[in-house]
């Protein structure tokens, strides 16, 4: 059983998706420690750009795409 779990773990860790999920989880946890940084850089910087692009692309559709 131990050998099976070791092989399964090694196979999963080789997968790029797992690495990306782990990195994203760490990044989200780290950023959540700095709400002022998030407010300044994401809410006032990055998000307005994302919203403008989405409005430009999907604004012609008469219902909400993001919900």
Foldseek 3Di string as FASTA:
>chain_A
DVVVVVVVVVVVVVDPVVVVVVVVVVVVVVVVVPVVCCCVPPVPPVVVVVVVVCCVVPVVDPDDPVD
